[in-house]
Each structure stands twice: as C-alpha cells, then as structure tokens.
Amino acid sequence: GSSTNYADSVKGRFTISRDNAKRTVSLQMNSLKPEDTGTYYCV
C-alpha cells in the first residue's frame, strides 16, 4: 500500500487504497465525469 499509480485522466480525482487486514482494495472516485463510465475490474 506504499506505492500507487494512476492513469493521467484520473489523477487528482481517484484514490486507490487497501486494507490488508480486511483483504480489501478500494477505489474512491470523486468529481466523476461522463468519460469515467465503464465496467471497472479489480485485477
């Protein structure tokens, strides 16, 4: 969880985080735009 990277189109708006104890990864998506529309896959 110490290193992250983002596509240029979402920098400053999206934040990825993880809780390894809970075994979850989250993506906080703010200031959403129509071009953010799509199917999001966790990989």
Full PDB file with SEQRES, HELIX, SHEET, SSBOND, CRYST1, ORIGX, SCALE, CONECT and MASTER records, all heavy atoms in Angstrom:
SEQRES   1 A   43  GLY SER SER THR ASN TYR ALA ASP SER VAL LYS GLY ARG          
SEQRES   2 A   43  PHE THR ILE SER ARG ASP ASN ALA LYS ARG THR VAL SER          
SEQRES   3 A   43  LEU GLN MET ASN SER LEU LYS PRO GLU ASP THR GLY THR          
SEQRES   4 A   43  TYR TYR CYS VAL                                              
HELIX    1 AA1 ASP A    8  VAL A   10  5                                   3    
HELIX    2 AA2 PRO A   34  ASP A   36  5                                   3    
SHEET    1 AA1 2 PHE A  14  ASP A  19  0                                        
SHEET    2 AA1 2 THR A  24  MET A  29 -1                                        
CRYST1    1.000    1.000    1.000  90.00  90.00  90.00 P 1           1          
ORIGX1      1.000000  0.000000  0.000000        0.00000                         
ORIGX2      0.000000  1.000000  0.000000        0.00000                         
ORIGX3      0.000000  0.000000  1.000000        0.00000                         
SCALE1      1.000000  0.000000  0.000000        0.00000                         
SCALE2      0.000000  1.000000  0.000000        0.00000                         
SCALE3      0.000000  0.000000  1.000000        0.00000                         
ATOM      1  N   GLY A   1       0.789  -1.216   0.000  1.00  0.00           N  
ATOM      2  CA  GLY A   1       0.000   0.000   0.000  1.00  0.00           C  
ATOM      3  C   GLY A   1       0.820   1.264   0.000  1.00  0.00           C  
ATOM      4  O   GLY A   1       0.261   2.367   0.077  1.00  0.00           O  
ATOM      5  N   SER A   2       2.137   1.137  -0.112  1.00  0.00           N  
ATOM      6  CA  SER A   2       3.011   2.299  -0.026  1.00  0.00           C  
ATOM      7  C   SER A   2       3.248   2.981  -1.363  1.00  0.00           C  
ATOM      8  O   SER A   2       3.738   4.113  -1.397  1.00  0.00           O  
ATOM      9  CB  SER A   2       4.355   1.908   0.594  1.00  0.00           C  
ATOM     10  OG  SER A   2       5.044   0.985  -0.228  1.00  0.00           O  
ATOM     11  N   SER A   3       2.933   2.312  -2.451  1.00  0.00           N  
ATOM     12  CA  SER A   3       3.166   2.873  -3.765  1.00  0.00           C  
ATOM     13  C   SER A   3       1.915   2.727  -4.613  1.00  0.00           C  
ATOM     14  O   SER A   3       1.320   1.649  -4.671  1.00  0.00           O  
ATOM     15  CB  SER A   3       4.349   2.173  -4.445  1.00  0.00           C  
ATOM     16  OG  SER A   3       4.599   2.708  -5.724  1.00  0.00           O  
ATOM     17  N   THR A   4       1.530   3.807  -5.265  1.00  0.00           N  
ATOM     18  CA  THR A   4       0.357   3.803  -6.135  1.00  0.00           C  
ATOM     19  C   THR A   4       0.682   4.470  -7.453  1.00  0.00           C  
ATOM     20  O   THR A   4       1.621   5.262  -7.557  1.00  0.00           O  
ATOM     21  CB  THR A   4      -0.827   4.541  -5.491  1.00  0.00           C  
ATOM     22  OG1 THR A   4      -0.449   5.905  -5.234  1.00  0.00           O  
ATOM     23  CG2 THR A   4      -1.232   3.884  -4.178  1.00  0.00           C  
ATOM     24  N   ASN A   5      -0.097   4.152  -8.471  1.00  0.00           N  
ATOM     25  CA  ASN A   5      -0.018   4.894  -9.711  1.00  0.00           C  
ATOM     26  C   ASN A   5      -1.399   4.994 -10.332  1.00  0.00           C  
ATOM     27  O   ASN A   5      -2.299   4.207 -10.030  1.00  0.00           O  
ATOM     28  CB  ASN A   5       1.018   4.309 -10.686  1.00  0.00           C  
ATOM     29  CG  ASN A   5       0.803   2.842 -10.989  1.00  0.00           C  
ATOM     30  OD1 ASN A   5      -0.295   2.417 -11.343  1.00  0.00           O  
ATOM     31  ND2 ASN A   5       1.868   2.063 -10.874  1.00  0.00           N  
ATOM     32  N   TYR A   6      -1.552   5.995 -11.207  1.00  0.00           N  
ATOM     33  CA  TYR A   6      -2.845   6.331 -11.771  1.00  0.00           C  
ATOM     34  C   TYR A   6      -2.702   6.708 -13.231  1.00  0.00           C  
ATOM     35  O   TYR A   6      -1.672   7.235 -13.658  1.00  0.00           O  
ATOM     36  CB  TYR A   6      -3.477   7.519 -11.043  1.00  0.00           C  
ATOM     37  CG  TYR A   6      -3.712   7.306  -9.577  1.00  0.00           C  
ATOM     38  CD1 TYR A   6      -2.733   7.637  -8.644  1.00  0.00           C  
ATOM     39  CD2 TYR A   6      -4.917   6.781  -9.125  1.00  0.00           C  
ATOM     40  CE1 TYR A   6      -2.953   7.442  -7.289  1.00  0.00           C  
ATOM     41  CE2 TYR A   6      -5.141   6.584  -7.776  1.00  0.00           C  
ATOM     42  CZ  TYR A   6      -4.155   6.917  -6.863  1.00  0.00           C  
ATOM     43  OH  TYR A   6      -4.375   6.724  -5.521  1.00  0.00           O  
ATOM     44  N   ALA A   7      -3.750   6.440 -13.977  1.00  0.00           N  
ATOM     45  CA  ALA A   7      -3.830   6.987 -15.316  1.00  0.00           C  
ATOM     46  C   ALA A   7      -3.930   8.504 -15.233  1.00  0.00           C  
ATOM     47  O   ALA A   7      -4.528   9.056 -14.302  1.00  0.00           O  
ATOM     48  CB  ALA A   7      -5.046   6.429 -16.053  1.00  0.00           C  
ATOM     49  N   ASP A   8      -3.343   9.186 -16.206  1.00  0.00           N  
ATOM     50  CA  ASP A   8      -3.364  10.645 -16.188  1.00  0.00           C  
ATOM     51  C   ASP A   8      -4.785  11.201 -16.122  1.00  0.00           C  
ATOM     52  O   ASP A   8      -5.024  12.241 -15.501  1.00  0.00           O  
ATOM     53  CB  ASP A   8      -2.662  11.199 -17.426  1.00  0.00           C  
ATOM     54  CG  ASP A   8      -1.160  11.026 -17.385  1.00  0.00           C  
ATOM     55  OD1 ASP A   8      -0.610  10.801 -16.287  1.00  0.00           O  
ATOM     56  OD2 ASP A   8      -0.527  11.123 -18.446  1.00  0.00           O  
ATOM     57  N   SER A   9      -5.722  10.512 -16.738  1.00  0.00           N  
ATOM     58  CA  SER A   9      -7.083  11.011 -16.810  1.00  0.00           C  
ATOM     59  C   SER A   9      -7.800  11.038 -15.466  1.00  0.00           C  
ATOM     60  O   SER A   9      -8.818  11.724 -15.328  1.00  0.00           O  
ATOM     61  CB  SER A   9      -7.897  10.171 -17.800  1.00  0.00           C  
ATOM     62  OG  SER A   9      -7.972   8.826 -17.386  1.00  0.00           O  
ATOM     63  N   VAL A  10      -7.290  10.309 -14.472  1.00  0.00           N  
ATOM     64  CA  VAL A  10      -7.964  10.240 -13.176  1.00  0.00           C  
ATOM     65  C   VAL A  10      -7.140  10.820 -12.047  1.00  0.00           C  
ATOM     66  O   VAL A  10      -7.628  10.888 -10.904  1.00  0.00           O  
ATOM     67  CB  VAL A  10      -8.382   8.796 -12.822  1.00  0.00           C  
ATOM     68  CG1 VAL A  10      -9.192   8.182 -13.956  1.00  0.00           C  
ATOM     69  CG2 VAL A  10      -7.165   7.937 -12.499  1.00  0.00           C  
ATOM     70  N   LYS A  11      -5.928  11.247 -12.313  1.00  0.00           N  
ATOM     71  CA  LYS A  11      -5.081  11.802 -11.259  1.00  0.00           C  
ATOM     72  C   LYS A  11      -5.744  13.004 -10.604  1.00  0.00           C  
ATOM     73  O   LYS A  11      -6.272  13.881 -11.271  1.00  0.00           O  
ATOM     74  CB  LYS A  11      -3.720  12.203 -11.823  1.00  0.00           C  
ATOM     75  CG  LYS A  11      -2.818  11.027 -12.136  1.00  0.00           C  
ATOM     76  CD  LYS A  11      -1.472  11.492 -12.672  1.00  0.00           C  
ATOM     77  CE  LYS A  11      -0.565  10.320 -12.962  1.00  0.00           C  
ATOM     78  NZ  LYS A  11       0.727  10.747 -13.553  1.00  0.00           N  
ATOM     79  N   GLY A  12      -5.706  13.023  -9.286  1.00  0.00           N  
ATOM     80  CA  GLY A  12      -6.316  14.093  -8.530  1.00  0.00           C  
ATOM     81  C   GLY A  12      -7.782  13.884  -8.242  1.00  0.00           C  
ATOM     82  O   GLY A  12      -8.363  14.633  -7.438  1.00  0.00           O  
ATOM     83  N   ARG A  13      -8.394  12.893  -8.884  1.00  0.00           N  
ATOM     84  CA  ARG A  13      -9.812  12.620  -8.676  1.00  0.00           C  
ATOM     85  C   ARG A  13     -10.064  11.252  -8.055  1.00  0.00           C  
ATOM     86  O   ARG A  13     -11.015  11.089  -7.288  1.00  0.00           O  
ATOM     87  CB  ARG A  13     -10.579  12.719  -9.994  1.00  0.00           C  
ATOM     88  CG  ARG A  13     -10.497  14.095 -10.644  1.00  0.00           C  
ATOM     89  CD  ARG A  13     -11.423  14.205 -11.847  1.00  0.00           C  
ATOM     90  NE  ARG A  13     -11.060  13.257 -12.896  1.00  0.00           N  
ATOM     91  CZ  ARG A  13     -11.840  12.259 -13.323  1.00  0.00           C  
ATOM     92  NH1 ARG A  13     -13.048  12.082 -12.787  1.00  0.00           N  
ATOM     93  NH2 ARG A  13     -11.426  11.453 -14.287  1.00  0.00           N  
ATOM     94  N   PHE A  14      -9.248  10.275  -8.407  1.00  0.00           N  
ATOM     95  CA  PHE A  14      -9.404   8.912  -7.901  1.00  0.00           C  
ATOM     96  C   PHE A  14      -8.299   8.613  -6.902  1.00  0.00           C  
ATOM     97  O   PHE A  14      -7.160   9.076  -7.060  1.00  0.00           O  
ATOM     98  CB  PHE A  14      -9.314   7.891  -9.035  1.00  0.00           C  
ATOM     99  CG  PHE A  14     -10.471   7.882  -9.998  1.00  0.00           C  
ATOM    100  CD1 PHE A  14     -11.427   8.884  -9.999  1.00  0.00           C  
ATOM    101  CD2 PHE A  14     -10.588   6.848 -10.912  1.00  0.00           C  
ATOM    102  CE1 PHE A  14     -12.480   8.865 -10.896  1.00  0.00           C  
ATOM    103  CE2 PHE A  14     -11.637   6.811 -11.812  1.00  0.00           C  
ATOM    104  CZ  PHE A  14     -12.582   7.817 -11.806  1.00  0.00           C  
ATOM    105  N   THR A  15      -8.630   7.807  -5.903  1.00  0.00           N  
ATOM    106  CA  THR A  15      -7.653   7.363  -4.922  1.00  0.00           C  
ATOM    107  C   THR A  15      -7.822   5.874  -4.678  1.00  0.00           C  
ATOM    108  O   THR A  15      -8.919   5.418  -4.343  1.00  0.00           O  
ATOM    109  CB  THR A  15      -7.806   8.111  -3.591  1.00  0.00           C  
ATOM    110  OG1 THR A  15      -7.678   9.521  -3.804  1.00  0.00           O  
ATOM    111  CG2 THR A  15      -6.728   7.657  -2.603  1.00  0.00           C  
ATOM    112  N   ILE A  16      -6.747   5.127  -4.847  1.00  0.00           N  
ATOM    113  CA  ILE A  16      -6.768   3.706  -4.564  1.00  0.00           C  
ATOM    114  C   ILE A  16      -6.150   3.467  -3.193  1.00  0.00           C  
ATOM    115  O   ILE A  16      -5.184   4.131  -2.806  1.00  0.00           O  
ATOM    116  CB  ILE A  16      -6.038   2.898  -5.662  1.00  0.00           C  
ATOM    117  CG1 ILE A  16      -6.247   1.397  -5.471  1.00  0.00           C  
ATOM    118  CG2 ILE A  16      -4.555   3.243  -5.713  1.00  0.00           C  
ATOM    119  CD1 ILE A  16      -5.763   0.557  -6.653  1.00  0.00           C  
ATOM    120  N   SER A  17      -6.718   2.539  -2.450  1.00  0.00           N  
ATOM    121  CA  SER A  17      -6.206   2.205  -1.127  1.00  0.00           C  
ATOM    122  C   SER A  17      -6.456   0.732  -0.857  1.00  0.00           C  
ATOM    123  O   SER A  17      -7.224   0.075  -1.565  1.00  0.00           O  
ATOM    124  CB  SER A  17      -6.857   3.069  -0.045  1.00  0.00           C  
ATOM    125  OG  SER A  17      -8.259   2.867  -0.009  1.00  0.00           O  
ATOM    126  N   ARG A  18      -5.797   0.229   0.171  1.00  0.00           N  
ATOM    127  CA  ARG A  18      -6.031  -1.165   0.539  1.00  0.00           C  
ATOM    128  C   ARG A  18      -5.939  -1.334   2.043  1.00  0.00           C  
ATOM    129  O   ARG A  18      -5.247  -0.588   2.737  1.00  0.00           O  
ATOM    130  CB  ARG A  18      -5.055  -2.099  -0.182  1.00  0.00           C  
ATOM    131  CG  ARG A  18      -3.607  -1.987   0.249  1.00  0.00           C  
ATOM    132  CD  ARG A  18      -2.709  -2.788  -0.710  1.00  0.00           C  
ATOM    133  NE  ARG A  18      -3.018  -4.210  -0.694  1.00  0.00           N  
ATOM    134  CZ  ARG A  18      -2.634  -5.075  -1.632  1.00  0.00           C  
ATOM    135  NH1 ARG A  18      -1.928  -4.648  -2.685  1.00  0.00           N  
ATOM    136  NH2 ARG A  18      -2.957  -6.356  -1.536  1.00  0.00           N  
ATOM    137  N   ASP A  19      -6.672  -2.322   2.518  1.00  0.00           N  
ATOM    138  CA  ASP A  19      -6.643  -2.719   3.915  1.00  0.00           C  
ATOM    139  C   ASP A  19      -6.269  -4.188   3.916  1.00  0.00           C  
ATOM    140  O   ASP A  19      -7.113  -5.050   3.663  1.00  0.00           O  
ATOM    141  CB  ASP A  19      -7.993  -2.484   4.579  1.00  0.00           C  
ATOM    142  CG  ASP A  19      -7.979  -2.773   6.070  1.00  0.00           C  
ATOM    143  OD1 ASP A  19      -7.184  -3.617   6.523  1.00  0.00           O  
ATOM    144  OD2 ASP A  19      -8.775  -2.148   6.792  1.00  0.00           O  
ATOM    145  N   ASN A  20      -5.009  -4.463   4.166  1.00  0.00           N  
ATOM    146  CA  ASN A  20      -4.534  -5.832   4.045  1.00  0.00           C  
ATOM    147  C   ASN A  20      -5.098  -6.750   5.132  1.00  0.00           C  
ATOM    148  O   ASN A  20      -5.211  -7.956   4.916  1.00  0.00           O  
ATOM    149  CB  ASN A  20      -3.008  -5.866   4.058  1.00  0.00           C  
ATOM    150  CG  ASN A  20      -2.412  -5.353   2.763  1.00  0.00           C  
ATOM    151  OD1 ASN A  20      -3.082  -5.311   1.736  1.00  0.00           O  
ATOM    152  ND2 ASN A  20      -1.146  -4.965   2.803  1.00  0.00           N  
ATOM    153  N   ALA A  21      -5.441  -6.182   6.290  1.00  0.00           N  
ATOM    154  CA  ALA A  21      -6.055  -6.987   7.338  1.00  0.00           C  
ATOM    155  C   ALA A  21      -7.439  -7.460   6.916  1.00  0.00           C  
ATOM    156  O   ALA A  21      -7.824  -8.600   7.189  1.00  0.00           O  
ATOM    157  CB  ALA A  21      -6.125  -6.206   8.647  1.00  0.00           C  
ATOM    158  N   LYS A  22      -8.196  -6.573   6.269  1.00  0.00           N  
ATOM    159  CA  LYS A  22      -9.525  -6.926   5.782  1.00  0.00           C  
ATOM    160  C   LYS A  22      -9.492  -7.569   4.402  1.00  0.00           C  
ATOM    161  O   LYS A  22     -10.523  -8.046   3.921  1.00  0.00           O  
ATOM    162  CB  LYS A  22     -10.417  -5.690   5.744  1.00  0.00           C  
ATOM    163  CG  LYS A  22     -10.705  -5.084   7.105  1.00  0.00           C  
ATOM    164  CD  LYS A  22     -11.615  -3.877   6.981  1.00  0.00           C  
ATOM    165  CE  LYS A  22     -11.939  -3.282   8.336  1.00  0.00           C  
ATOM    166  NZ  LYS A  22     -12.803  -2.081   8.207  1.00  0.00           N  
ATOM    167  N   ARG A  23      -8.341  -7.555   3.779  1.00  0.00           N  
ATOM    168  CA  ARG A  23      -8.165  -8.119   2.437  1.00  0.00           C  
ATOM    169  C   ARG A  23      -9.093  -7.437   1.435  1.00  0.00           C  
ATOM    170  O   ARG A  23      -9.794  -8.088   0.646  1.00  0.00           O  
ATOM    171  CB  ARG A  23      -8.389  -9.624   2.437  1.00  0.00           C  
ATOM    172  CG  ARG A  23      -7.557 -10.355   3.479  1.00  0.00           C  
ATOM    173  CD  ARG A  23      -7.526 -11.869   3.302  1.00  0.00           C  
ATOM    174  NE  ARG A  23      -8.645 -12.430   2.577  1.00  0.00           N  
ATOM    175  CZ  ARG A  23      -9.805 -12.784   3.130  1.00  0.00           C  
ATOM    176  NH1 ARG A  23     -10.021 -12.611   4.414  1.00  0.00           N  
ATOM    177  NH2 ARG A  23     -10.747 -13.326   2.364  1.00  0.00           N  
ATOM    178  N   THR A  24      -9.108  -6.126   1.453  1.00  0.00           N  
ATOM    179  CA  THR A  24      -9.908  -5.364   0.514  1.00  0.00           C  
ATOM    180  C   THR A  24      -9.071  -4.276  -0.136  1.00  0.00           C  
ATOM    181  O   THR A  24      -8.103  -3.781   0.437  1.00  0.00           O  
ATOM    182  CB  THR A  24     -11.127  -4.707   1.179  1.00  0.00           C  
ATOM    183  OG1 THR A  24     -10.694  -3.812   2.208  1.00  0.00           O  
ATOM    184  CG2 THR A  24     -12.053  -5.751   1.763  1.00  0.00           C  
ATOM    185  N   VAL A  25      -9.462  -3.914  -1.337  1.00  0.00           N  
ATOM    186  CA  VAL A  25      -8.879  -2.807  -2.078  1.00  0.00           C  
ATOM    187  C   VAL A  25     -10.017  -1.925  -2.547  1.00  0.00           C  
ATOM    188  O   VAL A  25     -11.025  -2.426  -3.051  1.00  0.00           O  
ATOM    189  CB  VAL A  25      -8.049  -3.297  -3.273  1.00  0.00           C  
ATOM    190  CG1 VAL A  25      -7.531  -2.115  -4.089  1.00  0.00           C  
ATOM    191  CG2 VAL A  25      -6.883  -4.159  -2.802  1.00  0.00           C  
ATOM    192  N   SER A  26      -9.867  -0.614  -2.387  1.00  0.00           N  
ATOM    193  CA  SER A  26     -10.930   0.312  -2.733  1.00  0.00           C  
ATOM    194  C   SER A  26     -10.447   1.331  -3.746  1.00  0.00           C  
ATOM    195  O   SER A  26      -9.257   1.620  -3.845  1.00  0.00           O  
ATOM    196  CB  SER A  26     -11.448   1.036  -1.492  1.00  0.00           C  
ATOM    197  OG  SER A  26     -12.060   0.133  -0.594  1.00  0.00           O  
ATOM    198  N   LEU A  27     -11.393   1.868  -4.481  1.00  0.00           N  
ATOM    199  CA  LEU A  27     -11.134   2.966  -5.402  1.00  0.00           C  
ATOM    200  C   LEU A  27     -12.156   4.049  -5.128  1.00  0.00           C  
ATOM    201  O   LEU A  27     -13.342   3.878  -5.422  1.00  0.00           O  
ATOM    202  CB  LEU A  27     -11.222   2.502  -6.856  1.00  0.00           C  
ATOM    203  CG  LEU A  27     -10.869   3.555  -7.907  1.00  0.00           C  
ATOM    204  CD1 LEU A  27      -9.377   3.893  -7.841  1.00  0.00           C  
ATOM    205  CD2 LEU A  27     -11.236   3.075  -9.306  1.00  0.00           C  
ATOM    206  N   GLN A  28     -11.701   5.146  -4.531  1.00  0.00           N  
ATOM    207  CA  GLN A  28     -12.553   6.299  -4.297  1.00  0.00           C  
ATOM    208  C   GLN A  28     -12.538   7.156  -5.547  1.00  0.00           C  
ATOM    209  O   GLN A  28     -11.477   7.603  -5.986  1.00  0.00           O  
ATOM    210  CB  GLN A  28     -12.065   7.095  -3.092  1.00  0.00           C  
ATOM    211  CG  GLN A  28     -12.905   8.324  -2.775  1.00  0.00           C  
ATOM    212  CD  GLN A  28     -14.300   7.972  -2.330  1.00  0.00           C  
ATOM    213  OE1 GLN A  28     -14.487   7.081  -1.520  1.00  0.00           O  
ATOM    214  NE2 GLN A  28     -15.290   8.665  -2.882  1.00  0.00           N  
ATOM    215  N   MET A  29     -13.708   7.400  -6.107  1.00  0.00           N  
ATOM    216  CA  MET A  29     -13.847   8.114  -7.357  1.00  0.00           C  
ATOM    217  C   MET A  29     -14.629   9.398  -7.098  1.00  0.00           C  
ATOM    218  O   MET A  29     -15.821   9.352  -6.794  1.00  0.00           O  
ATOM    219  CB  MET A  29     -14.568   7.247  -8.395  1.00  0.00           C  
ATOM    220  CG  MET A  29     -13.966   5.851  -8.542  1.00  0.00           C  
ATOM    221  SD  MET A  29     -15.053   4.697  -9.423  1.00  0.00           S  
ATOM    222  CE  MET A  29     -15.045   5.417 -11.058  1.00  0.00           C  
ATOM    223  N   ASN A  30     -13.957  10.526  -7.221  1.00  0.00           N  
ATOM    224  CA  ASN A  30     -14.572  11.828  -6.993  1.00  0.00           C  
ATOM    225  C   ASN A  30     -14.604  12.637  -8.281  1.00  0.00           C  
ATOM    226  O   ASN A  30     -13.888  12.347  -9.232  1.00  0.00           O  
ATOM    227  CB  ASN A  30     -13.803  12.603  -5.922  1.00  0.00           C  
ATOM    228  CG  ASN A  30     -13.813  11.925  -4.580  1.00  0.00           C  
ATOM    229  OD1 ASN A  30     -14.773  11.260  -4.207  1.00  0.00           O  
ATOM    230  ND2 ASN A  30     -12.729  12.113  -3.820  1.00  0.00           N  
ATOM    231  N   SER A  31     -15.429  13.668  -8.274  1.00  0.00           N  
ATOM    232  CA  SER A  31     -15.547  14.565  -9.426  1.00  0.00           C  
ATOM    233  C   SER A  31     -15.730  13.787 -10.716  1.00  0.00           C  
ATOM    234  O   SER A  31     -15.059  14.026 -11.723  1.00  0.00           O  
ATOM    235  CB  SER A  31     -14.312  15.473  -9.514  1.00  0.00           C  
ATOM    236  OG  SER A  31     -14.152  16.234  -8.338  1.00  0.00           O  
ATOM    237  N   LEU A  32     -16.655  12.858 -10.689  1.00  0.00           N  
ATOM    238  CA  LEU A  32     -16.823  11.945 -11.810  1.00  0.00           C  
ATOM    239  C   LEU A  32     -17.296  12.667 -13.064  1.00  0.00           C  
ATOM    240  O   LEU A  32     -18.084  13.614 -13.012  1.00  0.00           O  
ATOM    241  CB  LEU A  32     -17.795  10.829 -11.437  1.00  0.00           C  
ATOM    242  CG  LEU A  32     -17.184   9.754 -10.539  1.00  0.00           C  
ATOM    243  CD1 LEU A  32     -18.272   8.939  -9.859  1.00  0.00           C  
ATOM    244  CD2 LEU A  32     -16.274   8.842 -11.361  1.00  0.00           C  
ATOM    245  N   LYS A  33     -16.796  12.181 -14.180  1.00  0.00           N  
ATOM    246  CA  LYS A  33     -17.111  12.717 -15.495  1.00  0.00           C  
ATOM    247  C   LYS A  33     -17.770  11.638 -16.339  1.00  0.00           C  
ATOM    248  O   LYS A  33     -17.557  10.446 -16.104  1.00  0.00           O  
ATOM    249  CB  LYS A  33     -15.834  13.191 -16.195  1.00  0.00           C  
ATOM    250  CG  LYS A  33     -15.021  14.203 -15.414  1.00  0.00           C  
ATOM    251  CD  LYS A  33     -13.717  14.509 -16.131  1.00  0.00           C  
ATOM    252  CE  LYS A  33     -12.879  15.506 -15.366  1.00  0.00           C  
ATOM    253  NZ  LYS A  33     -11.596  15.795 -16.057  1.00  0.00           N  
ATOM    254  N   PRO A  34     -18.548  12.029 -17.346  1.00  0.00           N  
ATOM    255  CA  PRO A  34     -19.155  11.019 -18.217  1.00  0.00           C  
ATOM    256  C   PRO A  34     -18.132  10.059 -18.828  1.00  0.00           C  
ATOM    257  O   PRO A  34     -18.436   8.879 -19.014  1.00  0.00           O  
ATOM    258  CB  PRO A  34     -19.849  11.856 -19.292  1.00  0.00           C  
ATOM    259  CG  PRO A  34     -20.205  13.124 -18.585  1.00  0.00           C  
ATOM    260  CD  PRO A  34     -19.048  13.382 -17.649  1.00  0.00           C  
ATOM    261  N   GLU A  35     -16.949  10.546 -19.125  1.00  0.00           N  
ATOM    262  CA  GLU A  35     -15.930   9.690 -19.710  1.00  0.00           C  
ATOM    263  C   GLU A  35     -15.362   8.664 -18.738  1.00  0.00           C  
ATOM    264  O   GLU A  35     -14.588   7.787 -19.144  1.00  0.00           O  
ATOM    265  CB  GLU A  35     -14.794  10.521 -20.327  1.00  0.00           C  
ATOM    266  CG  GLU A  35     -14.225  11.569 -19.391  1.00  0.00           C  
ATOM    267  CD  GLU A  35     -14.821  12.950 -19.626  1.00  0.00           C  
ATOM    268  OE1 GLU A  35     -16.054  13.055 -19.757  1.00  0.00           O  
ATOM    269  OE2 GLU A  35     -14.047  13.931 -19.675  1.00  0.00           O  
ATOM    270  N   ASP A  36     -15.724   8.753 -17.462  1.00  0.00           N  
ATOM    271  CA  ASP A  36     -15.343   7.732 -16.495  1.00  0.00           C  
ATOM    272  C   ASP A  36     -16.244   6.506 -16.578  1.00  0.00           C  
ATOM    273  O   ASP A  36     -15.970   5.495 -15.923  1.00  0.00           O  
ATOM    274  CB  ASP A  36     -15.395   8.285 -15.071  1.00  0.00           C  
ATOM    275  CG  ASP A  36     -14.382   9.392 -14.830  1.00  0.00           C  
ATOM    276  OD1 ASP A  36     -13.252   9.294 -15.336  1.00  0.00           O  
ATOM    277  OD2 ASP A  36     -14.733  10.358 -14.114  1.00  0.00           O  
ATOM    278  N   THR A  37     -17.302   6.593 -17.347  1.00  0.00           N  
ATOM    279  CA  THR A  37     -18.240   5.488 -17.487  1.00  0.00           C  
ATOM    280  C   THR A  37     -17.552   4.248 -18.040  1.00  0.00           C  
ATOM    281  O   THR A  37     -16.727   4.328 -18.956  1.00  0.00           O  
ATOM    282  CB  THR A  37     -19.401   5.895 -18.401  1.00  0.00           C  
ATOM    283  OG1 THR A  37     -20.172   6.922 -17.768  1.00  0.00           O  
ATOM    284  CG2 THR A  37     -20.318   4.716 -18.695  1.00  0.00           C  
ATOM    285  N   GLY A  38     -17.885   3.105 -17.487  1.00  0.00           N  
ATOM    286  CA  GLY A  38     -17.345   1.848 -17.968  1.00  0.00           C  
ATOM    287  C   GLY A  38     -17.514   0.758 -16.939  1.00  0.00           C  
ATOM    288  O   GLY A  38     -18.069   0.971 -15.861  1.00  0.00           O  
ATOM    289  N   THR A  39     -17.041  -0.414 -17.294  1.00  0.00           N  
ATOM    290  CA  THR A  39     -17.008  -1.528 -16.363  1.00  0.00           C  
ATOM    291  C   THR A  39     -15.635  -1.554 -15.703  1.00  0.00           C  
ATOM    292  O   THR A  39     -14.617  -1.584 -16.393  1.00  0.00           O  
ATOM    293  CB  THR A  39     -17.280  -2.862 -17.073  1.00  0.00           C  
ATOM    294  OG1 THR A  39     -18.542  -2.797 -17.728  1.00  0.00           O  
ATOM    295  CG2 THR A  39     -17.304  -4.004 -16.069  1.00  0.00           C  
ATOM    296  N   TYR A  40     -15.627  -1.535 -14.398  1.00  0.00           N  
ATOM    297  CA  TYR A  40     -14.382  -1.498 -13.637  1.00  0.00           C  
ATOM    298  C   TYR A  40     -14.080  -2.877 -13.073  1.00  0.00           C  
ATOM    299  O   TYR A  40     -14.890  -3.471 -12.363  1.00  0.00           O  
ATOM    300  CB  TYR A  40     -14.475  -0.472 -12.514  1.00  0.00           C  
ATOM    301  CG  TYR A  40     -14.362   0.956 -13.005  1.00  0.00           C  
ATOM    302  CD1 TYR A  40     -15.396   1.550 -13.718  1.00  0.00           C  
ATOM    303  CD2 TYR A  40     -13.208   1.696 -12.762  1.00  0.00           C  
ATOM    304  CE1 TYR A  40     -15.286   2.848 -14.187  1.00  0.00           C  
ATOM    305  CE2 TYR A  40     -13.090   2.996 -13.224  1.00  0.00           C  
ATOM    306  CZ  TYR A  40     -14.134   3.563 -13.936  1.00  0.00           C  
ATOM    307  OH  TYR A  40     -14.015   4.863 -14.394  1.00  0.00           O  
ATOM    308  N   TYR A  41     -12.897  -3.366 -13.400  1.00  0.00           N  
ATOM    309  CA  TYR A  41     -12.447  -4.673 -12.959  1.00  0.00           C  
ATOM    310  C   TYR A  41     -11.339  -4.532 -11.927  1.00  0.00           C  
ATOM    311  O   TYR A  41     -10.414  -3.735 -12.100  1.00  0.00           O  
ATOM    312  CB  TYR A  41     -11.903  -5.489 -14.136  1.00  0.00           C  
ATOM    313  CG  TYR A  41     -12.932  -5.815 -15.187  1.00  0.00           C  
ATOM    314  CD1 TYR A  41     -13.177  -4.947 -16.240  1.00  0.00           C  
ATOM    315  CD2 TYR A  41     -13.659  -7.001 -15.129  1.00  0.00           C  
ATOM    316  CE1 TYR A  41     -14.122  -5.242 -17.211  1.00  0.00           C  
ATOM    317  CE2 TYR A  41     -14.599  -7.303 -16.089  1.00  0.00           C  
ATOM    318  CZ  TYR A  41     -14.822  -6.424 -17.128  1.00  0.00           C  
ATOM    319  OH  TYR A  41     -15.756  -6.722 -18.090  1.00  0.00           O  
ATOM    320  N   CYS A  42     -11.436  -5.313 -10.892  1.00  0.00           N  
ATOM    321  CA  CYS A  42     -10.360  -5.454  -9.928  1.00  0.00           C  
ATOM    322  C   CYS A  42      -9.472  -6.599 -10.393  1.00  0.00           C  
ATOM    323  O   CYS A  42      -9.961  -7.688 -10.688  1.00  0.00           O  
ATOM    324  CB  CYS A  42     -10.934  -5.743  -8.543  1.00  0.00           C  
ATOM    325  SG  CYS A  42      -9.704  -6.012  -7.250  1.00  0.00           S  
ATOM    326  N   VAL A  43      -8.170  -6.337 -10.472  1.00  0.00           N  
ATOM    327  CA  VAL A  43      -7.242  -7.312 -11.031  1.00  0.00           C  
ATOM    328  C   VAL A  43      -6.015  -7.419 -10.148  1.00  0.00           C  
ATOM    329  O   VAL A  43      -5.377  -6.413  -9.836  1.00  0.00           O  
ATOM    330  CB  VAL A  43      -6.792  -6.915 -12.451  1.00  0.00           C  
ATOM    331  CG1 VAL A  43      -6.083  -8.083 -13.119  1.00  0.00           C  
ATOM    332  CG2 VAL A  43      -7.969  -6.455 -13.294  1.00  0.00           C  
TER     333      VAL A  43                                                      
MASTER        0    0    0    2    2    0    0    6  332    1    0    4          
END                                                                             
